[in-house]
PDB file of N, CA and C in Angstrom:
ATOM      1  N   GLY A   1       0.560  -1.081   0.074  1.00  0.00           N
ATOM      2  CA  GLY A   1      -0.081   0.018   0.021  1.00  0.00           C
ATOM      3  C   GLY A   1       0.934   1.214  -0.024  1.00  0.00           C
ATOM      4  N   LEU A   2       0.616   2.389  -0.672  1.00  0.00           N
ATOM      5  CA  LEU A   2       1.023   3.303  -0.761  1.00  0.00           C
ATOM      6  C   LEU A   2       0.471   4.495   0.069  1.00  0.00           C
ATOM      7  N   SER A   3       1.184   5.285   0.790  1.00  0.00           N
ATOM      8  CA  SER A   3       0.799   6.170   1.776  1.00  0.00           C
ATOM      9  C   SER A   3      -0.449   5.756   2.484  1.00  0.00           C
ATOM     10  N   MET A   4      -1.537   6.255   2.558  1.00  0.00           N
ATOM     11  CA  MET A   4      -2.682   5.777   3.120  1.00  0.00           C
ATOM     12  C   MET A   4      -3.174   4.423   2.858  1.00  0.00           C
ATOM     13  N   GLY A   5      -2.600   4.123   1.864  1.00  0.00           N
ATOM     14  CA  GLY A   5      -2.813   2.537   1.500  1.00  0.00           C
ATOM     15  C   GLY A   5      -1.702   1.491   2.410  1.00  0.00           C
ATOM     16  N   GLY A   6      -0.771   2.304   2.719  1.00  0.00           N
ATOM     17  CA  GLY A   6       0.267   1.555   3.579  1.00  0.00           C
ATOM     18  C   GLY A   6      -0.753   1.435   5.068  1.00  0.00           C
ATOM     19  N   LEU A   7      -1.157   2.451   5.463  1.00  0.00           N
ATOM     20  CA  LEU A   7      -1.869   2.216   6.835  1.00  0.00           C
ATOM     21  C   LEU A   7      -2.941   1.173   6.660  1.00  0.00           C
ATOM     22  N   GLN A   8      -3.380   1.249   5.745  1.00  0.00           N
ATOM     23  CA  GLN A   8      -4.766   0.110   5.260  1.00  0.00           C
ATOM     24  C   GLN A   8      -4.010  -1.176   5.197  1.00  0.00           C
ATOM     25  N   THR A   9      -2.996  -1.337   4.424  1.00  0.00           N
ATOM     26  CA  THR A   9      -2.327  -2.756   4.356  1.00  0.00           C
ATOM     27  C   THR A   9      -1.649  -3.055   5.925  1.00  0.00           C
ATOM     28  N   LEU A  10      -1.243  -2.306   6.857  1.00  0.00           N
ATOM     29  CA  LEU A  10      -0.863  -2.472   8.225  1.00  0.00           C
ATOM     30  C   LEU A  10      -1.767  -2.735   9.160  1.00  0.00           C
ATOM     31  N   ASP A  11      -3.134  -2.084   9.040  1.00  0.00           N
ATOM     32  CA  ASP A  11      -4.143  -2.206   9.764  1.00  0.00           C
ATOM     33  C   ASP A  11      -4.910  -3.835   9.353  1.00  0.00           C
ATOM     34  N   ILE A  12      -5.215  -3.840   8.130  1.00  0.00           N
ATOM     35  CA  ILE A  12      -6.006  -5.243   7.336  1.00  0.00           C
ATOM     36  C   ILE A  12      -4.792  -6.306   7.607  1.00  0.00           C
ATOM     37  N   GLY A  13      -3.859  -6.119   6.950  1.00  0.00           N
ATOM     38  CA  GLY A  13      -2.687  -7.061   6.656  1.00  0.00           C
ATOM     39  C   GLY A  13      -2.274  -8.035   8.015  1.00  0.00           C
ATOM     40  N   LEU A  14      -1.867  -7.145   8.968  1.00  0.00           N
ATOM     41  CA  LEU A  14      -1.150  -7.559  10.225  1.00  0.00           C
ATOM     42  C   LEU A  14      -2.344  -7.955  11.179  1.00  0.00           C
ATOM     43  N   THR A  15      -3.678  -7.908  10.987  1.00  0.00           N
ATOM     44  CA  THR A  15      -4.736  -8.359  11.611  1.00  0.00           C
ATOM     45  C   THR A  15      -5.763  -9.685  10.952  1.00  0.00           C
ATOM     46  N   ARG A  16      -5.122  -9.771  10.051  1.00  0.00           N
ATOM     47  CA  ARG A  16      -5.489 -10.856   8.897  1.00  0.00           C
ATOM     48  C   ARG A  16      -4.527 -11.802   8.465  1.00  0.00           C
ATOM     49  N   LEU A  17      -3.705 -12.377   8.813  1.00  0.00           N
ATOM     50  CA  LEU A  17      -2.674 -12.991   8.866  1.00  0.00           C
ATOM     51  C   LEU A  17      -3.018 -14.202   8.137  1.00  0.00           C
ATOM     52  N   ASP A  18      -4.116 -15.063   8.135  1.00  0.00           N
ATOM     53  CA  ASP A  18      -4.376 -15.962   7.562  1.00  0.00           C
ATOM     54  C   ASP A  18      -4.959 -15.865   6.182  1.00  0.00           C
ATOM     55  N   THR A  19      -4.888 -14.466   5.688  1.00  0.00           N
ATOM     56  CA  THR A  19      -5.314 -14.184   4.445  1.00  0.00           C
ATOM     57  C   THR A  19      -4.374 -13.804   3.595  1.00  0.00           C
ATOM     58  N   PHE A  20      -3.273 -13.342   4.187  1.00  0.00           N
ATOM     59  CA  PHE A  20      -2.171 -12.831   3.509  1.00  0.00           C
ATOM     60  C   PHE A  20      -0.935 -13.039   3.570  1.00  0.00           C
ATOM     61  N   ALA A  21       0.061 -13.462   2.736  1.00  0.00           N
ATOM     62  CA  ALA A  21       1.493 -14.139   3.018  1.00  0.00           C
ATOM     63  C   ALA A  21       2.309 -13.302   2.940  1.00  0.00           C
ATOM     64  N   ALA A  22       1.868 -11.914   2.067  1.00  0.00           N
ATOM     65  CA  ALA A  22       2.958 -10.802   1.986  1.00  0.00           C
ATOM     66  C   ALA A  22       2.395  -9.679   2.473  1.00  0.00           C
ATOM     67  N   LEU A  23       3.121  -8.550   2.820  1.00  0.00           N
ATOM     68  CA  LEU A  23       2.643  -7.212   2.903  1.00  0.00           C
ATOM     69  C   LEU A  23       3.472  -6.354   2.265  1.00  0.00           C
ATOM     70  N   GLY A  24       3.056  -5.236   1.843  1.00  0.00           N
ATOM     71  CA  GLY A  24       4.264  -4.103   1.030  1.00  0.00           C
ATOM     72  C   GLY A  24       3.830  -2.952   1.727  1.00  0.00           C
ATOM     73  N   VAL A  25       4.509  -2.096   2.228  1.00  0.00           N
ATOM     74  CA  VAL A  25       4.127  -0.875   2.941  1.00  0.00           C
ATOM     75  C   VAL A  25       5.238   0.140   2.501  1.00  0.00           C
ATOM     76  N   PHE A  26       4.709   1.305   1.572  1.00  0.00           N
ATOM     77  CA  PHE A  26       5.168   2.049   1.126  1.00  0.00           C
ATOM     78  C   PHE A  26       5.219   3.720   1.675  1.00  0.00           C
ATOM     79  N   SER A  27       5.937   4.317   2.107  1.00  0.00           N
ATOM     80  CA  SER A  27       5.993   5.720   2.260  1.00  0.00           C
ATOM     81  C   SER A  27       4.702   5.859   3.541  1.00  0.00           C
ATOM     82  N   SER A  28       4.873   5.033   4.591  1.00  0.00           N
ATOM     83  CA  SER A  28       3.546   4.968   5.598  1.00  0.00           C
ATOM     84  C   SER A  28       4.306   4.689   6.993  1.00  0.00           C
ATOM     85  N   GLY A  29       3.398   4.735   7.970  1.00  0.00           N
ATOM     86  CA  GLY A  29       3.439   4.499   9.071  1.00  0.00           C
ATOM     87  C   GLY A  29       2.177   4.857   9.819  1.00  0.00           C
ATOM     88  N   TRP A  30       1.925   4.511  10.925  1.00  0.00           N
ATOM     89  CA  TRP A  30       0.752   4.607  11.881  1.00  0.00           C
ATOM     90  C   TRP A  30       1.071   6.277  12.358  1.00  0.00           C
ATOM     91  N   PHE A  31      -0.046   7.175  12.295  1.00  0.00           N
ATOM     92  CA  PHE A  31      -0.010   8.308  13.092  1.00  0.00           C
ATOM     93  C   PHE A  31       0.173   8.080  14.782  1.00  0.00           C
ATOM     94  N   PRO A  32       0.710   8.691  15.064  1.00  0.00           N
ATOM     95  CA  PRO A  32       0.923   8.365  16.756  1.00  0.00           C
ATOM     96  C   PRO A  32      -0.140   7.525  17.646  1.00  0.00           C
ATOM     97  N   ASP A  33      -1.220   8.112  17.624  1.00  0.00           N
ATOM     98  CA  ASP A  33      -2.507   8.095  18.036  1.00  0.00           C
ATOM     99  C   ASP A  33      -2.895   6.627  17.853  1.00  0.00           C
ATOM    100  N   ARG A  34      -2.931   6.337  16.536  1.00  0.00           N
ATOM    101  CA  ARG A  34      -3.507   5.013  15.660  1.00  0.00           C
ATOM    102  C   ARG A  34      -2.238   3.947  16.204  1.00  0.00           C
ATOM    103  N   ARG A  35      -1.194   4.208  16.085  1.00  0.00           N
ATOM    104  CA  ARG A  35      -0.121   3.252  16.283  1.00  0.00           C
ATOM    105  C   ARG A  35      -0.310   2.787  17.917  1.00  0.00           C
ATOM    106  N   GLU A  36      -0.569   3.538  18.785  1.00  0.00           N
ATOM    107  CA  GLU A  36      -1.001   3.364  20.182  1.00  0.00           C
ATOM    108  C   GLU A  36      -2.143   2.567  20.192  1.00  0.00           C
ATOM    109  N   GLN A  37      -2.973   2.722  19.561  1.00  0.00           N
ATOM    110  CA  GLN A  37      -4.355   1.986  19.452  1.00  0.00           C
ATOM    111  C   GLN A  37      -4.042   0.568  19.075  1.00  0.00           C
ATOM    112  N   PHE A  38      -3.347   0.458  17.812  1.00  0.00           N
ATOM    113  CA  PHE A  38      -3.091  -0.790  17.318  1.00  0.00           C
ATOM    114  C   PHE A  38      -2.099  -1.626  18.082  1.00  0.00           C
ATOM    115  N   GLU A  39      -1.284  -0.969  18.654  1.00  0.00           N
ATOM    116  CA  GLU A  39      -0.403  -1.853  19.598  1.00  0.00           C
ATOM    117  C   GLU A  39      -1.519  -2.287  20.944  1.00  0.00           C
ATOM    118  N   THR A  40      -1.960  -1.377  21.640  1.00  0.00           N
ATOM    119  CA  THR A  40      -3.144  -1.725  22.535  1.00  0.00           C
ATOM    120  C   THR A  40      -4.216  -2.846  22.143  1.00  0.00           C
ATOM    121  N   GLU A  41      -4.596  -2.818  21.034  1.00  0.00           N
ATOM    122  CA  GLU A  41      -5.733  -3.796  20.637  1.00  0.00           C
ATOM    123  C   GLU A  41      -5.270  -5.093  20.235  1.00  0.00           C
ATOM    124  N   ASN A  42      -3.758  -5.099  19.863  1.00  0.00           N
ATOM    125  CA  ASN A  42      -3.105  -6.330  19.279  1.00  0.00           C
ATOM    126  C   ASN A  42      -2.108  -6.833  20.098  1.00  0.00           C
ATOM    127  N   GLN A  43      -2.134  -6.677  21.489  1.00  0.00           N
ATOM    128  CA  GLN A  43      -0.983  -7.159  22.162  1.00  0.00           C
ATOM    129  C   GLN A  43      -0.710  -8.693  22.159  1.00  0.00           C
ATOM    130  N   GLU A  44      -1.654  -9.565  22.128  1.00  0.00           N
ATOM    131  CA  GLU A  44      -1.359 -10.710  21.881  1.00  0.00           C
ATOM    132  C   GLU A  44      -0.351 -11.139  20.528  1.00  0.00           C
ATOM    133  N   LEU A  45      -1.219 -10.510  19.434  1.00  0.00           N
ATOM    134  CA  LEU A  45      -0.749 -10.890  18.097  1.00  0.00           C
ATOM    135  C   LEU A  45       0.844 -10.199  18.191  1.00  0.00           C
ATOM    136  N   LEU A  46       1.080  -9.118  18.857  1.00  0.00           N
ATOM    137  CA  LEU A  46       2.472  -8.616  18.668  1.00  0.00           C
ATOM    138  C   LEU A  46       3.649  -9.297  19.724  1.00  0.00           C
ATOM    139  N   LYS A  47       2.871  -9.797  20.933  1.00  0.00           N
ATOM    140  CA  LYS A  47       3.833 -10.521  21.750  1.00  0.00           C
ATOM    141  C   LYS A  47       4.100 -12.027  21.229  1.00  0.00           C
ATOM    142  N   ALA A  48       3.306 -12.403  20.352  1.00  0.00           N
ATOM    143  CA  ALA A  48       3.546 -13.954  20.113  1.00  0.00           C
ATOM    144  C   ALA A  48       4.130 -13.841  18.663  1.00  0.00           C
ATOM    145  N   ALA A  49       4.649 -12.509  18.322  1.00  0.00           N
ATOM    146  CA  ALA A  49       5.078 -12.402  17.140  1.00  0.00           C
ATOM    147  C   ALA A  49       4.615 -13.294  15.885  1.00  0.00           C
ATOM    148  N   GLU A  50       3.237 -12.830  15.786  1.00  0.00           N
ATOM    149  CA  GLU A  50       2.377 -13.953  14.765  1.00  0.00           C
ATOM    150  C   GLU A  50       2.797 -13.693  13.584  1.00  0.00           C
ATOM    151  N   PRO A  51       2.923 -12.099  12.946  1.00  0.00           N
ATOM    152  CA  PRO A  51       3.617 -12.051  11.765  1.00  0.00           C
ATOM    153  C   PRO A  51       4.834 -12.791  11.164  1.00  0.00           C
ATOM    154  N   ASN A  52       5.621 -13.154  12.158  1.00  0.00           N
ATOM    155  CA  ASN A  52       6.905 -13.890  12.052  1.00  0.00           C
ATOM    156  C   ASN A  52       6.169 -15.641  11.634  1.00  0.00           C
ATOM    157  N   LYS A  53       5.459 -15.841  11.817  1.00  0.00           N
ATOM    158  CA  LYS A  53       5.046 -17.215  11.896  1.00  0.00           C
ATOM    159  C   LYS A  53       3.985 -17.318  10.511  1.00  0.00           C
ATOM    160  N   LYS A  54       3.593 -16.211   9.966  1.00  0.00           N
ATOM    161  CA  LYS A  54       2.459 -16.289   8.956  1.00  0.00           C
ATOM    162  C   LYS A  54       3.063 -15.309   7.775  1.00  0.00           C
ATOM    163  N   LEU A  55       3.561 -14.494   7.976  1.00  0.00           N
ATOM    164  CA  LEU A  55       4.356 -13.802   6.415  1.00  0.00           C
ATOM    165  C   LEU A  55       5.439 -14.491   5.896  1.00  0.00           C
ATOM    166  N   LYS A  56       5.370 -14.496   4.805  1.00  0.00           N
ATOM    167  CA  LYS A  56       6.763 -15.018   3.911  1.00  0.00           C
ATOM    168  C   LYS A  56       7.315 -13.618   3.664  1.00  0.00           C
ATOM    169  N   LEU A  57       6.701 -12.625   3.748  1.00  0.00           N
ATOM    170  CA  LEU A  57       7.219 -11.305   3.166  1.00  0.00           C
ATOM    171  C   LEU A  57       6.525  -9.850   3.964  1.00  0.00           C
ATOM    172  N   PHE A  58       7.180  -9.435   4.624  1.00  0.00           N
ATOM    173  CA  PHE A  58       6.846  -8.166   5.306  1.00  0.00           C
ATOM    174  C   PHE A  58       7.815  -7.092   4.979  1.00  0.00           C
ATOM    175  N   TRP A  59       7.766  -6.168   3.946  1.00  0.00           N
ATOM    176  CA  TRP A  59       8.340  -5.406   3.109  1.00  0.00           C
ATOM    177  C   TRP A  59       7.921  -4.078   3.419  1.00  0.00           C
ATOM    178  N   ILE A  60       8.772  -3.181   3.998  1.00  0.00           N
ATOM    179  CA  ILE A  60       8.538  -1.664   4.396  1.00  0.00           C
ATOM    180  C   ILE A  60       9.695  -0.902   3.480  1.00  0.00           C
ATOM    181  N   ALA A  61       8.963   0.292   2.909  1.00  0.00           N
ATOM    182  CA  ALA A  61      10.068   1.013   2.332  1.00  0.00           C
ATOM    183  C   ALA A  61       9.663   2.694   2.438  1.00  0.00           C
ATOM    184  N   ASN A  62      10.695   3.506   2.598  1.00  0.00           N
ATOM    185  CA  ASN A  62      10.532   4.901   2.952  1.00  0.00           C
ATOM    186  C   ASN A  62      11.537   5.599   2.614  1.00  0.00           C
ATOM    187  N   GLY A  63      11.511   6.919   1.867  1.00  0.00           N
ATOM    188  CA  GLY A  63      12.334   7.908   1.528  1.00  0.00           C
ATOM    189  C   GLY A  63      12.878   8.571   2.671  1.00  0.00           C
ATOM    190  N   LYS A  64      13.932   9.111   2.968  1.00  0.00           N
ATOM    191  CA  LYS A  64      14.476   9.909   4.240  1.00  0.00           C
ATOM    192  C   LYS A  64      13.883  11.138   4.197  1.00  0.00           C
ATOM    193  N   PRO A  65      13.567  11.851   2.968  1.00  0.00           N
ATOM    194  CA  PRO A  65      12.759  12.982   3.099  1.00  0.00           C
ATOM    195  C   PRO A  65      11.416  13.083   3.122  1.00  0.00           C
ATOM    196  N   ASP A  66      10.935  11.712   3.128  1.00  0.00           N
ATOM    197  CA  ASP A  66       9.616  11.363   3.342  1.00  0.00           C
ATOM    198  C   ASP A  66       8.821  12.149   4.121  1.00  0.00           C
ATOM    199  N   ILE A  67       7.412  12.583   3.993  1.00  0.00           N
ATOM    200  CA  ILE A  67       6.704  13.358   4.856  1.00  0.00           C
ATOM    201  C   ILE A  67       6.122  12.356   5.999  1.00  0.00           C
ATOM    202  N   ALA A  68       6.246  10.832   5.667  1.00  0.00           N
ATOM    203  CA  ALA A  68       5.735  10.092   6.501  1.00  0.00           C
ATOM    204  C   ALA A  68       7.279   9.312   7.266  1.00  0.00           C
ATOM    205  N   TYR A  69       8.008   9.768   6.976  1.00  0.00           N
ATOM    206  CA  TYR A  69       9.231   9.532   7.850  1.00  0.00           C
ATOM    207  C   TYR A  69       9.326   9.260   9.041  1.00  0.00           C
ATOM    208  N   LYS A  70       9.044  10.170   9.833  1.00  0.00           N
ATOM    209  CA  LYS A  70       8.884  10.106  11.439  1.00  0.00           C
ATOM    210  C   LYS A  70       7.919   8.900  11.836  1.00  0.00           C
ATOM    211  N   ASN A  71       6.648   9.021  11.067  1.00  0.00           N
ATOM    212  CA  ASN A  71       5.888   8.096  11.860  1.00  0.00           C
ATOM    213  C   ASN A  71       6.496   6.583  11.328  1.00  0.00           C
ATOM    214  N   ASN A  72       7.056   6.519  10.300  1.00  0.00           N
ATOM    215  CA  ASN A  72       7.545   5.179   9.681  1.00  0.00           C
ATOM    216  C   ASN A  72       8.535   4.503  10.532  1.00  0.00           C
ATOM    217  N   GLN A  73       9.297   5.666  11.006  1.00  0.00           N
ATOM    218  CA  GLN A  73      10.523   5.414  11.850  1.00  0.00           C
ATOM    219  C   GLN A  73       9.924   4.629  13.573  1.00  0.00           C
ATOM    220  N   ALA A  74       9.073   5.479  13.944  1.00  0.00           N
ATOM    221  CA  ALA A  74       8.165   5.284  15.021  1.00  0.00           C
ATOM    222  C   ALA A  74       7.759   3.645  15.283  1.00  0.00           C
ATOM    223  N   MET A  75       6.839   3.451  13.892  1.00  0.00           N
ATOM    224  CA  MET A  75       6.365   2.052  13.458  1.00  0.00           C
ATOM    225  C   MET A  75       7.382   0.991  13.194  1.00  0.00           C
ATOM    226  N   LEU A  76       8.587   1.372  13.045  1.00  0.00           N
ATOM    227  CA  LEU A  76       9.660   0.498  12.825  1.00  0.00           C
ATOM    228  C   LEU A  76      10.178  -0.300  14.164  1.00  0.00           C
ATOM    229  N   GLU A  77      10.318   1.180  15.225  1.00  0.00           N
ATOM    230  CA  GLU A  77      10.755   0.746  16.686  1.00  0.00           C
ATOM    231  C   GLU A  77       9.745   0.187  17.157  1.00  0.00           C
ATOM    232  N   MET A  78       8.434   0.220  17.218  1.00  0.00           N
ATOM    233  CA  MET A  78       7.550  -0.811  17.684  1.00  0.00           C
ATOM    234  C   MET A  78       7.530  -2.154  17.156  1.00  0.00           C
ATOM    235  N   LEU A  79       7.650  -2.382  15.975  1.00  0.00           N
ATOM    236  CA  LEU A  79       7.736  -3.767  15.323  1.00  0.00           C
ATOM    237  C   LEU A  79       9.266  -4.395  15.915  1.00  0.00           C
ATOM    238  N   ASP A  80      10.330  -3.547  16.426  1.00  0.00           N
ATOM    239  CA  ASP A  80      11.489  -4.020  16.800  1.00  0.00           C
ATOM    240  C   ASP A  80      11.126  -4.402  18.000  1.00  0.00           C
ATOM    241  N   LYS A  81      10.207  -3.932  18.981  1.00  0.00           N
ATOM    242  CA  LYS A  81      10.168  -3.894  20.286  1.00  0.00           C
ATOM    243  C   LYS A  81       9.490  -5.381  20.281  1.00  0.00           C
ATOM    244  N   TYR A  82       8.726  -5.739  19.526  1.00  0.00           N
ATOM    245  CA  TYR A  82       7.999  -6.728  19.617  1.00  0.00           C
ATOM    246  C   TYR A  82       8.608  -8.136  18.853  1.00  0.00           C
ATOM    247  N   LYS A  83       9.810  -7.955  18.074  1.00  0.00           N
ATOM    248  CA  LYS A  83      10.591  -8.663  17.350  1.00  0.00           C
ATOM    249  C   LYS A  83       9.919  -9.134  16.146  1.00  0.00           C
ATOM    250  N   VAL A  84       9.129  -8.303  15.651  1.00  0.00           N
ATOM    251  CA  VAL A  84       8.368  -8.670  14.324  1.00  0.00           C
ATOM    252  C   VAL A  84       9.457  -8.490  13.206  1.00  0.00           C
ATOM    253  N   ARG A  85       9.757  -9.479  12.486  1.00  0.00           N
ATOM    254  CA  ARG A  85      10.602  -9.196  11.613  1.00  0.00           C
ATOM    255  C   ARG A  85      10.036  -8.780  10.161  1.00  0.00           C
ATOM    256  N   TYR A  86      11.053  -7.848   9.307  1.00  0.00           N
ATOM    257  CA  TYR A  86      10.408  -7.155   8.291  1.00  0.00           C
ATOM    258  C   TYR A  86      11.812  -6.786   7.569  1.00  0.00           C
ATOM    259  N   THR A  87      11.734  -6.580   6.131  1.00  0.00           N
ATOM    260  CA  THR A  87      12.829  -5.895   5.540  1.00  0.00           C
ATOM    261  C   THR A  87      12.506  -4.344   5.214  1.00  0.00           C
ATOM    262  N   TYR A  88      13.516  -3.577   5.502  1.00  0.00           N
ATOM    263  CA  TYR A  88      13.333  -2.433   5.520  1.00  0.00           C
ATOM    264  C   TYR A  88      14.096  -1.679   4.270  1.00  0.00           C
ATOM    265  N   VAL A  89      14.050  -0.665   3.420  1.00  0.00           N
ATOM    266  CA  VAL A  89      14.449  -0.098   2.437  1.00  0.00           C
ATOM    267  C   VAL A  89      14.285   1.154   2.685  1.00  0.00           C
ATOM    268  N   GLU A  90      15.406   2.022   2.472  1.00  0.00           N
ATOM    269  CA  GLU A  90      15.406   3.325   2.893  1.00  0.00           C
ATOM    270  C   GLU A  90      15.544   3.816   1.559  1.00  0.00           C
ATOM    271  N   GLY A  91      14.954   4.522   0.610  1.00  0.00           N
ATOM    272  CA  GLY A  91      15.451   5.585  -0.582  1.00  0.00           C
ATOM    273  C   GLY A  91      15.614   6.688  -0.293  1.00  0.00           C
ATOM    274  N   LYS A  92      15.934   7.318  -1.379  1.00  0.00           N
ATOM    275  CA  LYS A  92      16.135   8.870  -1.242  1.00  0.00           C
ATOM    276  C   LYS A  92      14.940   9.899  -1.607  1.00  0.00           C
ATOM    277  N   GLY A  93      14.143   9.002  -2.293  1.00  0.00           N
ATOM    278  CA  GLY A  93      12.863   9.772  -2.668  1.00  0.00           C
ATOM    279  C   GLY A  93      12.161  10.211  -1.835  1.00  0.00           C
ATOM    280  N   GLY A  94      11.054  10.935  -1.918  1.00  0.00           N
ATOM    281  CA  GLY A  94      10.152  11.428  -1.175  1.00  0.00           C
ATOM    282  C   GLY A  94       8.797  10.652  -1.348  1.00  0.00           C
ATOM    283  N   HIS A  95       7.772  11.324  -0.990  1.00  0.00           N
ATOM    284  CA  HIS A  95       6.303  10.894  -0.729  1.00  0.00           C
ATOM    285  C   HIS A  95       5.773  11.123  -2.202  1.00  0.00           C
ATOM    286  N   ASP A  96       6.367  10.413  -3.061  1.00  0.00           N
ATOM    287  CA  ASP A  96       5.948  10.595  -4.522  1.00  0.00           C
ATOM    288  C   ASP A  96       5.886   9.499  -5.263  1.00  0.00           C
ATOM    289  N   TRP A  97       5.336   9.496  -6.531  1.00  0.00           N
ATOM    290  CA  TRP A  97       5.435   8.290  -7.622  1.00  0.00           C
ATOM    291  C   TRP A  97       6.762   7.832  -7.930  1.00  0.00           C
ATOM    292  N   GLY A  98       7.635   8.638  -7.999  1.00  0.00           N
ATOM    293  CA  GLY A  98       8.977   8.331  -8.693  1.00  0.00           C
ATOM    294  C   GLY A  98       9.647   7.663  -7.672  1.00  0.00           C
ATOM    295  N   SER A  99       9.481   7.774  -6.176  1.00  0.00           N
ATOM    296  CA  SER A  99       9.869   7.032  -5.295  1.00  0.00           C
ATOM    297  C   SER A  99       9.157   5.770  -5.079  1.00  0.00           C
ATOM    298  N   TRP A 100       7.943   5.448  -5.445  1.00  0.00           N
ATOM    299  CA  TRP A 100       7.163   4.410  -5.051  1.00  0.00           C
ATOM    300  C   TRP A 100       7.447   3.457  -6.442  1.00  0.00           C
ATOM    301  N   LYS A 101       7.492   4.132  -7.459  1.00  0.00           N
ATOM    302  CA  LYS A 101       7.843   3.103  -8.684  1.00  0.00           C
ATOM    303  C   LYS A 101       9.181   2.213  -8.503  1.00  0.00           C
ATOM    304  N   ASN A 102      10.220   3.069  -7.642  1.00  0.00           N
ATOM    305  CA  ASN A 102      11.381   2.436  -7.797  1.00  0.00           C
ATOM    306  C   ASN A 102      11.347   1.366  -6.398  1.00  0.00           C
ATOM    307  N   HIS A 103      10.620   1.358  -5.566  1.00  0.00           N
ATOM    308  CA  HIS A 103      10.265   0.563  -4.363  1.00  0.00           C
ATOM    309  C   HIS A 103       9.676  -0.538  -5.023  1.00  0.00           C
ATOM    310  N   LEU A 104       8.455  -0.364  -5.738  1.00  0.00           N
ATOM    311  CA  LEU A 104       7.563  -1.509  -6.429  1.00  0.00           C
ATOM    312  C   LEU A 104       8.585  -2.408  -7.198  1.00  0.00           C
ATOM    313  N   TYR A 105       9.484  -1.689  -8.148  1.00  0.00           N
ATOM    314  CA  TYR A 105      10.223  -2.201  -8.924  1.00  0.00           C
ATOM    315  C   TYR A 105      11.168  -3.587  -8.265  1.00  0.00           C
ATOM    316  N   VAL A 106      11.523  -3.255  -6.869  1.00  0.00           N
ATOM    317  CA  VAL A 106      12.242  -4.238  -6.223  1.00  0.00           C
ATOM    318  C   VAL A 106      11.141  -4.780  -5.097  1.00  0.00           C
ATOM    319  N   PHE A 107      10.212  -4.500  -4.966  1.00  0.00           N
ATOM    320  CA  PHE A 107       9.310  -5.553  -4.024  1.00  0.00           C
ATOM    321  C   PHE A 107       8.528  -6.582  -5.078  1.00  0.00           C
ATOM    322  N   ALA A 108       8.363  -5.947  -6.125  1.00  0.00           N
ATOM    323  CA  ALA A 108       7.379  -6.897  -6.749  1.00  0.00           C
ATOM    324  C   ALA A 108       7.650  -8.297  -7.091  1.00  0.00           C
ATOM    325  N   PRO A 109       9.053  -8.326  -7.789  1.00  0.00           N
ATOM    326  CA  PRO A 109       9.418  -9.796  -7.946  1.00  0.00           C
ATOM    327  C   PRO A 109       9.746 -10.584  -6.414  1.00  0.00           C
ATOM    328  N   LEU A 110       9.681  -9.844  -5.565  1.00  0.00           N
ATOM    329  CA  LEU A 110       9.950 -10.773  -4.313  1.00  0.00           C
ATOM    330  C   LEU A 110       8.502 -11.651  -3.957  1.00  0.00           C
ATOM    331  N   LEU A 111       7.615 -10.861  -4.519  1.00  0.00           N
ATOM    332  CA  LEU A 111       6.202 -11.580  -4.363  1.00  0.00           C
ATOM    333  C   LEU A 111       5.777 -12.983  -5.000  1.00  0.00           C
ATOM    334  N   PHE A 112       6.999 -13.121  -6.127  1.00  0.00           N
ATOM    335  CA  PHE A 112       6.905 -14.406  -7.060  1.00  0.00           C
ATOM    336  C   PHE A 112       8.010 -15.186  -6.618  1.00  0.00           C
ATOM    337  N   ARG A 113       8.682 -15.228  -5.831  1.00  0.00           N
ATOM    338  CA  ARG A 113       9.844 -16.189  -5.544  1.00  0.00           C
ATOM    339  C   ARG A 113       9.526 -17.488  -5.003  1.00  0.00           C
ATOM    340  N   ASP A 114      10.020 -18.487  -5.233  1.00  0.00           N
ATOM    341  CA  ASP A 114       9.683 -19.570  -4.721  1.00  0.00           C
ATOM    342  C   ASP A 114      10.882 -20.007  -3.529  1.00  0.00           C
ATOM    343  N   ASP A 115      10.451 -19.903  -2.338  1.00  0.00           N
ATOM    344  CA  ASP A 115      11.354 -20.137  -1.198  1.00  0.00           C
ATOM    345  C   ASP A 115      11.564 -21.549  -0.766  1.00  0.00           C
ATOM    346  N   LYS A 116      10.272 -22.291  -0.948  1.00  0.00           N
ATOM    347  CA  LYS A 116      10.350 -23.458  -0.542  1.00  0.00           C
ATOM    348  C   LYS A 116      10.314 -24.649  -1.452  1.00  0.00           C
TER     349      LYS A 116
END
């Protein structure tokens, strides 16, 4: 998901791990109040590190000058707190299609690899 779609990816994907095998979050991260709410409402899921057991790919990308950078970094800290594994890619682009297409170019082939 891109930007707001990334928030939806986090909210929907992380709470429906039996439905999704991969999540891609581009230029996004919960706003502080929503991050706290998600953490509170999903303590069991996070403490058990359920995403590690169910997701084949949890891919997060953000540019350093991106307007979502601060929220993204706080989200990564929360995921680290619960030892949720993810791949993080930091680009040089901002909150725009030029940045997203570069991240998509790297992310999309990962969806089709056969690791087993």
